[in-house]
């Protein structure tokens, strides 16, 4: 089992930046795909980005491509989401998740963090 804890959310003005962190504990996640998602009030959960265990491959939703960057530090068992040029429509609770089955396709996220709130003001 693994525990995921997100941090780094907060209130930021439109055009600003935030970096979210997701720290894993309980077991190492360096081999596994990890992803970021968000959910705004009244909306379904939305995929944002994912990264392979080595960090060699990443993929992004069109809504954040070019603005958000996912990365990981396997020595720290942590994945990050750098968010630039934030817009009010980016306001949501942001979650990280991990697929703890190596090389599973399609990817299925087994464990989720509790989320961190990001609010972007005009």
C-alpha atoms as a PDB file:
ATOM      1  CA  UNK A   1       0.000   0.000   0.000  1.00  0.00           C
ATOM      2  CA  UNK A   2       1.075   3.554  -0.582  1.00  0.00           C
ATOM      3  CA  UNK A   3       0.014   6.925   0.746  1.00  0.00           C
ATOM      4  CA  UNK A   4       0.073  10.020  -1.445  1.00  0.00           C
ATOM      5  CA  UNK A   5       0.060  13.538  -0.016  1.00  0.00           C
ATOM      6  CA  UNK A   6      -0.306  16.594  -2.224  1.00  0.00           C
ATOM      7  CA  UNK A   7       0.893  20.041  -1.243  1.00  0.00           C
ATOM      8  CA  UNK A   8       1.586  23.404  -2.807  1.00  0.00           C
ATOM      9  CA  UNK A   9      -1.915  24.535  -3.597  1.00  0.00           C
ATOM     10  CA  UNK A  10      -3.206  27.972  -2.745  1.00  0.00           C
ATOM     11  CA  UNK A  11      -4.562  31.219  -4.075  1.00  0.00           C
ATOM     12  CA  UNK A  12      -2.830  32.845  -7.037  1.00  0.00           C
ATOM     13  CA  UNK A  13      -3.680  35.600  -9.485  1.00  0.00           C
ATOM     14  CA  UNK A  14      -4.348  34.848 -13.121  1.00  0.00           C
ATOM     15  CA  UNK A  15      -1.085  34.585 -15.026  1.00  0.00           C
ATOM     16  CA  UNK A  16       0.770  33.359 -11.979  1.00  0.00           C
ATOM     17  CA  UNK A  17       2.445  30.054 -11.197  1.00  0.00           C
ATOM     18  CA  UNK A  18       2.293  27.302  -8.626  1.00  0.00           C
ATOM     19  CA  UNK A  19       4.207  24.086  -8.142  1.00  0.00           C
ATOM     20  CA  UNK A  20       2.343  21.152  -6.670  1.00  0.00           C
ATOM     21  CA  UNK A  21       4.121  18.274  -4.993  1.00  0.00           C
ATOM     22  CA  UNK A  22       2.930  14.744  -4.363  1.00  0.00           C
ATOM     23  CA  UNK A  23       4.961  12.802  -1.828  1.00  0.00           C
ATOM     24  CA  UNK A  24       4.567   9.036  -1.685  1.00  0.00           C
ATOM     25  CA  UNK A  25       5.175   6.954   1.419  1.00  0.00           C
ATOM     26  CA  UNK A  26       4.767   3.323   2.353  1.00  0.00           C
ATOM     27  CA  UNK A  27       6.624   2.019  -0.683  1.00  0.00           C
ATOM     28  CA  UNK A  28       8.767   3.313  -3.470  1.00  0.00           C
ATOM     29  CA  UNK A  29       6.901   4.456  -6.568  1.00  0.00           C
ATOM     30  CA  UNK A  30       9.913   4.973  -8.809  1.00  0.00           C
ATOM     31  CA  UNK A  31       8.913   2.173 -11.202  1.00  0.00           C
ATOM     32  CA  UNK A  32       5.325   3.268 -11.680  1.00  0.00           C
ATOM     33  CA  UNK A  33       3.300   5.664 -13.765  1.00  0.00           C
ATOM     34  CA  UNK A  34       2.024   8.628 -11.816  1.00  0.00           C
ATOM     35  CA  UNK A  35      -0.540  11.178 -12.849  1.00  0.00           C
ATOM     36  CA  UNK A  36      -2.204  14.443 -11.925  1.00  0.00           C
ATOM     37  CA  UNK A  37      -5.918  15.115 -12.128  1.00  0.00           C
ATOM     38  CA  UNK A  38      -8.266  17.868 -11.037  1.00  0.00           C
ATOM     39  CA  UNK A  39     -11.902  18.280 -10.201  1.00  0.00           C
ATOM     40  CA  UNK A  40     -13.783  21.560 -10.211  1.00  0.00           C
ATOM     41  CA  UNK A  41     -17.129  21.988  -8.425  1.00  0.00           C
ATOM     42  CA  UNK A  42     -19.932  20.425 -10.407  1.00  0.00           C
ATOM     43  CA  UNK A  43     -17.558  18.908 -12.931  1.00  0.00           C
ATOM     44  CA  UNK A  44     -16.110  15.462 -13.509  1.00  0.00           C
ATOM     45  CA  UNK A  45     -12.546  14.618 -12.635  1.00  0.00           C
ATOM     46  CA  UNK A  46     -10.198  15.641 -15.434  1.00  0.00           C
ATOM     47  CA  UNK A  47      -6.910  14.042 -16.416  1.00  0.00           C
ATOM     48  CA  UNK A  48      -4.050  16.553 -16.639  1.00  0.00           C
ATOM     49  CA  UNK A  49      -0.721  14.788 -17.045  1.00  0.00           C
ATOM     50  CA  UNK A  50       1.146  11.570 -16.437  1.00  0.00           C
ATOM     51  CA  UNK A  51       4.746  10.434 -16.293  1.00  0.00           C
ATOM     52  CA  UNK A  52       6.436   7.052 -16.589  1.00  0.00           C
ATOM     53  CA  UNK A  53       8.573   5.600 -13.815  1.00  0.00           C
ATOM     54  CA  UNK A  54      11.873   6.710 -15.320  1.00  0.00           C
ATOM     55  CA  UNK A  55      10.412  10.063 -16.242  1.00  0.00           C
ATOM     56  CA  UNK A  56      11.284   9.414 -19.843  1.00  0.00           C
ATOM     57  CA  UNK A  57       7.765   9.839 -21.185  1.00  0.00           C
ATOM     58  CA  UNK A  58       5.087  12.327 -20.322  1.00  0.00           C
ATOM     59  CA  UNK A  59       1.673  13.103 -21.702  1.00  0.00           C
ATOM     60  CA  UNK A  60      -0.699  16.009 -21.171  1.00  0.00           C
ATOM     61  CA  UNK A  61      -4.282  17.000 -21.654  1.00  0.00           C
ATOM     62  CA  UNK A  62      -4.767  19.598 -24.360  1.00  0.00           C
ATOM     63  CA  UNK A  63      -6.177  22.015 -21.792  1.00  0.00           C
ATOM     64  CA  UNK A  64      -2.827  22.277 -20.005  1.00  0.00           C
ATOM     65  CA  UNK A  65      -0.283  21.436 -22.689  1.00  0.00           C
ATOM     66  CA  UNK A  66       2.375  24.116 -22.880  1.00  0.00           C
ATOM     67  CA  UNK A  67       1.431  25.564 -19.477  1.00  0.00           C
ATOM     68  CA  UNK A  68       1.860  22.649 -17.064  1.00  0.00           C
ATOM     69  CA  UNK A  69       4.896  20.381 -16.668  1.00  0.00           C
ATOM     70  CA  UNK A  70       4.964  17.075 -14.812  1.00  0.00           C
ATOM     71  CA  UNK A  71       8.234  15.796 -13.383  1.00  0.00           C
ATOM     72  CA  UNK A  72       9.449  13.438 -10.712  1.00  0.00           C
ATOM     73  CA  UNK A  73      12.319  12.971  -8.310  1.00  0.00           C
ATOM     74  CA  UNK A  74      12.542   9.264  -7.618  1.00  0.00           C
ATOM     75  CA  UNK A  75      15.155   9.776  -4.917  1.00  0.00           C
ATOM     76  CA  UNK A  76      12.493  11.737  -3.022  1.00  0.00           C
ATOM     77  CA  UNK A  77       9.610   9.481  -4.063  1.00  0.00           C
ATOM     78  CA  UNK A  78       7.860  12.636  -5.234  1.00  0.00           C
ATOM     79  CA  UNK A  79       6.120  13.855  -8.375  1.00  0.00           C
ATOM     80  CA  UNK A  80       5.573  17.514  -9.230  1.00  0.00           C
ATOM     81  CA  UNK A  81       3.259  19.604 -11.337  1.00  0.00           C
ATOM     82  CA  UNK A  82       4.602  22.986 -12.361  1.00  0.00           C
ATOM     83  CA  UNK A  83       1.709  25.183 -13.394  1.00  0.00           C
ATOM     84  CA  UNK A  84       2.365  28.414 -15.284  1.00  0.00           C
ATOM     85  CA  UNK A  85       0.092  31.034 -16.858  1.00  0.00           C
ATOM     86  CA  UNK A  86      -2.732  29.995 -14.583  1.00  0.00           C
ATOM     87  CA  UNK A  87      -6.279  30.923 -15.532  1.00  0.00           C
ATOM     88  CA  UNK A  88      -9.426  31.226 -13.407  1.00  0.00           C
ATOM     89  CA  UNK A  89     -10.738  28.081 -15.105  1.00  0.00           C
ATOM     90  CA  UNK A  90      -7.817  26.161 -13.569  1.00  0.00           C
ATOM     91  CA  UNK A  91      -9.504  26.539 -10.175  1.00  0.00           C
ATOM     92  CA  UNK A  92     -10.094  23.046  -8.802  1.00  0.00           C
ATOM     93  CA  UNK A  93      -8.941  20.441  -6.319  1.00  0.00           C
ATOM     94  CA  UNK A  94      -5.822  18.803  -7.701  1.00  0.00           C
ATOM     95  CA  UNK A  95      -5.059  15.132  -7.083  1.00  0.00           C
ATOM     96  CA  UNK A  96      -2.124  12.876  -7.759  1.00  0.00           C
ATOM     97  CA  UNK A  97      -2.414   9.166  -8.339  1.00  0.00           C
ATOM     98  CA  UNK A  98      -0.259   6.115  -9.004  1.00  0.00           C
ATOM     99  CA  UNK A  99      -0.687   2.905 -11.000  1.00  0.00           C
ATOM    100  CA  UNK A 100       1.019   0.292  -8.860  1.00  0.00           C
ATOM    101  CA  UNK A 101       1.010  -2.424 -11.518  1.00  0.00           C
ATOM    102  CA  UNK A 102       4.183  -2.142 -13.538  1.00  0.00           C
ATOM    103  CA  UNK A 103       3.689  -1.548 -17.240  1.00  0.00           C
ATOM    104  CA  UNK A 104      -0.079  -2.142 -17.074  1.00  0.00           C
ATOM    105  CA  UNK A 105      -1.994  -1.052 -20.129  1.00  0.00           C
ATOM    106  CA  UNK A 106      -4.333   0.657 -20.111  1.00  0.00           C
ATOM    107  CA  UNK A 107      -3.130   2.578 -17.070  1.00  0.00           C
ATOM    108  CA  UNK A 108      -5.380   2.233 -14.036  1.00  0.00           C
ATOM    109  CA  UNK A 109      -4.745   4.455 -11.071  1.00  0.00           C
ATOM    110  CA  UNK A 110      -4.935   2.449  -7.844  1.00  0.00           C
ATOM    111  CA  UNK A 111      -4.136   5.004  -5.194  1.00  0.00           C
ATOM    112  CA  UNK A 112      -5.045   8.637  -4.855  1.00  0.00           C
ATOM    113  CA  UNK A 113      -4.055  11.511  -2.645  1.00  0.00           C
ATOM    114  CA  UNK A 114      -6.515  13.645  -0.703  1.00  0.00           C
ATOM    115  CA  UNK A 115      -6.139  16.620  -3.001  1.00  0.00           C
ATOM    116  CA  UNK A 116      -4.969  20.202  -2.707  1.00  0.00           C
ATOM    117  CA  UNK A 117      -7.043  23.255  -3.575  1.00  0.00           C
ATOM    118  CA  UNK A 118      -5.883  25.635  -6.277  1.00  0.00           C
ATOM    119  CA  UNK A 119      -7.780  28.887  -6.685  1.00  0.00           C
ATOM    120  CA  UNK A 120      -6.961  31.331  -9.467  1.00  0.00           C
ATOM    121  CA  UNK A 121      -8.374  34.831  -9.155  1.00  0.00           C
ATOM    122  CA  UNK A 122      -8.816  37.484 -11.808  1.00  0.00           C
END
